[in-house]
Amino acid sequence: MYNVKKLLLAISLTLSFSQKLEPIDVAMQDLETIIQTASRADQRVIVEDFTGLL
């Protein structure tokens, strides 16, 4: 019975975190949508990339 509880806990934790998106992925999807919308409207989009590289 103890092993079944551990298994159910592990499965529930796995399923709860499996659909979590990284914040950078969400930001990239938003940026892609903005660029596509601007392209369709024949507008320009200025994007600055701050990578922190020296």
PDB file of N, CA and C in Angstrom:
ATOM      1  N   MET A   1       0.822  -1.195   0.000  1.00  0.00           N
ATOM      2  CA  MET A   1       0.000   0.000   0.000  1.00  0.00           C
ATOM      3  C   MET A   1       0.869   1.264   0.000  1.00  0.00           C
ATOM      4  N   TYR A   2       1.980   1.216   0.738  1.00  0.00           N
ATOM      5  CA  TYR A   2       2.885   2.364   0.809  1.00  0.00           C
ATOM      6  C   TYR A   2       3.494   2.654  -0.556  1.00  0.00           C
ATOM      7  N   ASN A   3       3.858   1.593  -1.299  1.00  0.00           N
ATOM      8  CA  ASN A   3       4.443   1.774  -2.627  1.00  0.00           C
ATOM      9  C   ASN A   3       3.439   2.368  -3.602  1.00  0.00           C
ATOM     10  N   VAL A   4       2.178   2.002  -3.464  1.00  0.00           N
ATOM     11  CA  VAL A   4       1.139   2.538  -4.339  1.00  0.00           C
ATOM     12  C   VAL A   4       0.980   4.034  -4.098  1.00  0.00           C
ATOM     13  N   LYS A   5       1.026   4.461  -2.842  1.00  0.00           N
ATOM     14  CA  LYS A   5       0.917   5.886  -2.525  1.00  0.00           C
ATOM     15  C   LYS A   5       2.095   6.662  -3.107  1.00  0.00           C
ATOM     16  N   LYS A   6       3.291   6.095  -2.999  1.00  0.00           N
ATOM     17  CA  LYS A   6       4.466   6.758  -3.565  1.00  0.00           C
ATOM     18  C   LYS A   6       4.353   6.854  -5.080  1.00  0.00           C
ATOM     19  N   LEU A   7       3.842   5.793  -5.705  1.00  0.00           N
ATOM     20  CA  LEU A   7       3.681   5.789  -7.158  1.00  0.00           C
ATOM     21  C   LEU A   7       2.658   6.832  -7.590  1.00  0.00           C
ATOM     22  N   LEU A   8       1.533   6.907  -6.892  1.00  0.00           N
ATOM     23  CA  LEU A   8       0.512   7.901  -7.231  1.00  0.00           C
ATOM     24  C   LEU A   8       1.027   9.323  -7.032  1.00  0.00           C
ATOM     25  N   LEU A   9       1.799   9.533  -5.990  1.00  0.00           N
ATOM     26  CA  LEU A   9       2.385  10.852  -5.765  1.00  0.00           C
ATOM     27  C   LEU A   9       3.354  11.216  -6.886  1.00  0.00           C
ATOM     28  N   ALA A  10       4.186  10.281  -7.280  1.00  0.00           N
ATOM     29  CA  ALA A  10       5.147  10.532  -8.358  1.00  0.00           C
ATOM     30  C   ALA A  10       4.434  10.822  -9.672  1.00  0.00           C
ATOM     31  N   ILE A  11       3.385  10.083  -9.970  1.00  0.00           N
ATOM     32  CA  ILE A  11       2.636  10.301 -11.215  1.00  0.00           C
ATOM     33  C   ILE A  11       1.949  11.661 -11.190  1.00  0.00           C
ATOM     34  N   SER A  12       1.338  12.020 -10.074  1.00  0.00           N
ATOM     35  CA  SER A  12       0.645  13.306 -10.004  1.00  0.00           C
ATOM     36  C   SER A  12       1.620  14.474 -10.118  1.00  0.00           C
ATOM     37  N   LEU A  13       2.794  14.360  -9.516  1.00  0.00           N
ATOM     38  CA  LEU A  13       3.793  15.426  -9.647  1.00  0.00           C
ATOM     39  C   LEU A  13       4.312  15.530 -11.073  1.00  0.00           C
ATOM     40  N   THR A  14       4.527  14.398 -11.702  1.00  0.00           N
ATOM     41  CA  THR A  14       5.014  14.393 -13.080  1.00  0.00           C
ATOM     42  C   THR A  14       4.008  15.044 -14.012  1.00  0.00           C
ATOM     43  N   LEU A  15       2.747  14.696 -13.867  1.00  0.00           N
ATOM     44  CA  LEU A  15       1.719  15.256 -14.739  1.00  0.00           C
ATOM     45  C   LEU A  15       1.502  16.742 -14.487  1.00  0.00           C
ATOM     46  N   SER A  16       1.638  17.174 -13.251  1.00  0.00           N
ATOM     47  CA  SER A  16       1.394  18.582 -12.950  1.00  0.00           C
ATOM     48  C   SER A  16       2.485  19.493 -13.514  1.00  0.00           C
ATOM     49  N   PHE A  17       3.713  18.999 -13.616  1.00  0.00           N
ATOM     50  CA  PHE A  17       4.803  19.825 -14.134  1.00  0.00           C
ATOM     51  C   PHE A  17       5.111  19.571 -15.603  1.00  0.00           C
ATOM     52  N   SER A  18       4.463  18.622 -16.226  1.00  0.00           N
ATOM     53  CA  SER A  18       4.805  18.273 -17.602  1.00  0.00           C
ATOM     54  C   SER A  18       4.384  19.345 -18.594  1.00  0.00           C
ATOM     55  N   GLN A  19       3.349  20.124 -18.297  1.00  0.00           N
ATOM     56  CA  GLN A  19       2.848  21.132 -19.221  1.00  0.00           C
ATOM     57  C   GLN A  19       3.381  22.525 -18.930  1.00  0.00           C
ATOM     58  N   LYS A  20       4.257  22.654 -17.964  1.00  0.00           N
ATOM     59  CA  LYS A  20       4.790  23.964 -17.602  1.00  0.00           C
ATOM     60  C   LYS A  20       5.751  24.445 -18.683  1.00  0.00           C
ATOM     61  N   LEU A  21       5.508  25.652 -19.195  1.00  0.00           N
ATOM     62  CA  LEU A  21       6.374  26.242 -20.207  1.00  0.00           C
ATOM     63  C   LEU A  21       7.377  27.168 -19.536  1.00  0.00           C
ATOM     64  N   GLU A  22       8.540  27.225 -20.094  1.00  0.00           N
ATOM     65  CA  GLU A  22       9.557  28.147 -19.608  1.00  0.00           C
ATOM     66  C   GLU A  22       9.135  29.572 -19.976  1.00  0.00           C
ATOM     67  N   PRO A  23       9.432  30.545 -19.130  1.00  0.00           N
ATOM     68  CA  PRO A  23       9.060  31.933 -19.435  1.00  0.00           C
ATOM     69  C   PRO A  23       9.658  32.427 -20.750  1.00  0.00           C
ATOM     70  N   ILE A  24      10.860  31.971 -21.087  1.00  0.00           N
ATOM     71  CA  ILE A  24      11.476  32.411 -22.341  1.00  0.00           C
ATOM     72  C   ILE A  24      10.712  31.872 -23.538  1.00  0.00           C
ATOM     73  N   ASP A  25      10.155  30.666 -23.420  1.00  0.00           N
ATOM     74  CA  ASP A  25       9.364  30.105 -24.508  1.00  0.00           C
ATOM     75  C   ASP A  25       8.101  30.924 -24.740  1.00  0.00           C
ATOM     76  N   VAL A  26       7.460  31.342 -23.671  1.00  0.00           N
ATOM     77  CA  VAL A  26       6.255  32.159 -23.779  1.00  0.00           C
ATOM     78  C   VAL A  26       6.599  33.506 -24.400  1.00  0.00           C
ATOM     79  N   ALA A  27       7.707  34.098 -23.989  1.00  0.00           N
ATOM     80  CA  ALA A  27       8.128  35.386 -24.540  1.00  0.00           C
ATOM     81  C   ALA A  27       8.452  35.264 -26.026  1.00  0.00           C
ATOM     82  N   MET A  28       9.087  34.172 -26.415  1.00  0.00           N
ATOM     83  CA  MET A  28       9.409  33.969 -27.834  1.00  0.00           C
ATOM     84  C   MET A  28       8.141  33.783 -28.658  1.00  0.00           C
ATOM     85  N   GLN A  29       7.155  33.095 -28.126  1.00  0.00           N
ATOM     86  CA  GLN A  29       5.887  32.924 -28.833  1.00  0.00           C
ATOM     87  C   GLN A  29       5.180  34.268 -28.992  1.00  0.00           C
ATOM     88  N   ASP A  30       5.208  35.087 -27.945  1.00  0.00           N
ATOM     89  CA  ASP A  30       4.607  36.421 -28.028  1.00  0.00           C
ATOM     90  C   ASP A  30       5.318  37.277 -29.070  1.00  0.00           C
ATOM     91  N   LEU A  31       6.639  37.232 -29.081  1.00  0.00           N
ATOM     92  CA  LEU A  31       7.411  37.998 -30.054  1.00  0.00           C
ATOM     93  C   LEU A  31       7.108  37.536 -31.474  1.00  0.00           C
ATOM     94  N   GLU A  32       7.015  36.235 -31.670  1.00  0.00           N
ATOM     95  CA  GLU A  32       6.708  35.699 -32.997  1.00  0.00           C
ATOM     96  C   GLU A  32       5.333  36.173 -33.467  1.00  0.00           C
ATOM     97  N   THR A  33       4.362  36.189 -32.574  1.00  0.00           N
ATOM     98  CA  THR A  33       3.019  36.658 -32.923  1.00  0.00           C
ATOM     99  C   THR A  33       3.037  38.133 -33.302  1.00  0.00           C
ATOM    100  N   ILE A  34       3.775  38.934 -32.549  1.00  0.00           N
ATOM    101  CA  ILE A  34       3.868  40.368 -32.838  1.00  0.00           C
ATOM    102  C   ILE A  34       4.503  40.599 -34.199  1.00  0.00           C
ATOM    103  N   ILE A  35       5.567  39.871 -34.494  1.00  0.00           N
ATOM    104  CA  ILE A  35       6.262  40.040 -35.774  1.00  0.00           C
ATOM    105  C   ILE A  35       5.376  39.595 -36.933  1.00  0.00           C
ATOM    106  N   GLN A  36       4.671  38.500 -36.777  1.00  0.00           N
ATOM    107  CA  GLN A  36       3.776  38.030 -37.841  1.00  0.00           C
ATOM    108  C   GLN A  36       2.653  39.030 -38.091  1.00  0.00           C
ATOM    109  N   THR A  37       2.083  39.561 -37.022  1.00  0.00           N
ATOM    110  CA  THR A  37       1.002  40.540 -37.164  1.00  0.00           C
ATOM    111  C   THR A  37       1.507  41.804 -37.850  1.00  0.00           C
ATOM    112  N   ALA A  38       2.675  42.269 -37.461  1.00  0.00           N
ATOM    113  CA  ALA A  38       3.249  43.464 -38.079  1.00  0.00           C
ATOM    114  C   ALA A  38       3.567  43.220 -39.542  1.00  0.00           C
ATOM    115  N   SER A  39       4.049  42.040 -39.864  1.00  0.00           N
ATOM    116  CA  SER A  39       4.374  41.715 -41.248  1.00  0.00           C
ATOM    117  C   SER A  39       3.121  41.723 -42.119  1.00  0.00           C
ATOM    118  N   ARG A  40       2.049  41.200 -41.595  1.00  0.00           N
ATOM    119  CA  ARG A  40       0.790  41.175 -42.356  1.00  0.00           C
ATOM    120  C   ARG A  40       0.226  42.579 -42.546  1.00  0.00           C
ATOM    121  N   ALA A  41       0.492  43.469 -41.603  1.00  0.00           N
ATOM    122  CA  ALA A  41      -0.002  44.842 -41.680  1.00  0.00           C
ATOM    123  C   ALA A  41       1.002  45.761 -42.366  1.00  0.00           C
ATOM    124  N   ASP A  42       2.074  45.190 -42.916  1.00  0.00           N
ATOM    125  CA  ASP A  42       3.124  45.938 -43.606  1.00  0.00           C
ATOM    126  C   ASP A  42       3.745  46.999 -42.690  1.00  0.00           C
ATOM    127  N   GLN A  43       3.994  46.610 -41.441  1.00  0.00           N
ATOM    128  CA  GLN A  43       4.624  47.494 -40.470  1.00  0.00           C
ATOM    129  C   GLN A  43       6.018  46.984 -40.158  1.00  0.00           C
ATOM    130  N   ARG A  44       6.829  47.859 -39.578  1.00  0.00           N
ATOM    131  CA  ARG A  44       8.181  47.485 -39.174  1.00  0.00           C
ATOM    132  C   ARG A  44       8.221  47.246 -37.671  1.00  0.00           C
ATOM    133  N   VAL A  45       9.051  46.304 -37.276  1.00  0.00           N
ATOM    134  CA  VAL A  45       9.242  46.010 -35.855  1.00  0.00           C
ATOM    135  C   VAL A  45      10.729  46.115 -35.558  1.00  0.00           C
ATOM    136  N   ILE A  46      11.074  46.905 -34.545  1.00  0.00           N
ATOM    137  CA  ILE A  46      12.467  47.036 -34.124  1.00  0.00           C
ATOM    138  C   ILE A  46      12.654  46.174 -32.882  1.00  0.00           C
ATOM    139  N   VAL A  47      13.616  45.255 -32.956  1.00  0.00           N
ATOM    140  CA  VAL A  47      13.870  44.335 -31.852  1.00  0.00           C
ATOM    141  C   VAL A  47      15.313  44.501 -31.407  1.00  0.00           C
ATOM    142  N   GLU A  48      15.513  44.733 -30.123  1.00  0.00           N
ATOM    143  CA  GLU A  48      16.856  44.800 -29.563  1.00  0.00           C
ATOM    144  C   GLU A  48      17.106  43.528 -28.778  1.00  0.00           C
ATOM    145  N   ASP A  49      18.292  42.977 -28.944  1.00  0.00           N
ATOM    146  CA  ASP A  49      18.646  41.729 -28.274  1.00  0.00           C
ATOM    147  C   ASP A  49      19.682  42.018 -27.200  1.00  0.00           C
ATOM    148  N   PHE A  50      19.304  41.818 -25.954  1.00  0.00           N
ATOM    149  CA  PHE A  50      20.221  41.996 -24.832  1.00  0.00           C
ATOM    150  C   PHE A  50      20.584  40.612 -24.308  1.00  0.00           C
ATOM    151  N   THR A  51      21.703  40.084 -24.767  1.00  0.00           N
ATOM    152  CA  THR A  51      22.088  38.735 -24.380  1.00  0.00           C
ATOM    153  C   THR A  51      23.000  38.708 -23.165  1.00  0.00           C
ATOM    154  N   GLY A  52      23.626  39.813 -22.846  1.00  0.00           N
ATOM    155  CA  GLY A  52      24.530  39.845 -21.708  1.00  0.00           C
ATOM    156  C   GLY A  52      25.919  39.324 -22.028  1.00  0.00           C
ATOM    157  N   LEU A  53      26.203  39.103 -23.302  1.00  0.00           N
ATOM    158  CA  LEU A  53      27.525  38.627 -23.696  1.00  0.00           C
ATOM    159  C   LEU A  53      28.480  39.804 -23.799  1.00  0.00           C
ATOM    160  N   LEU A  54      29.716  39.587 -23.417  1.00  0.00           N
ATOM    161  CA  LEU A  54      30.722  40.656 -23.500  1.00  0.00           C
ATOM    162  C   LEU A  54      31.506  40.551 -24.774  1.00  0.00           C
TER     163      LEU A  54
END
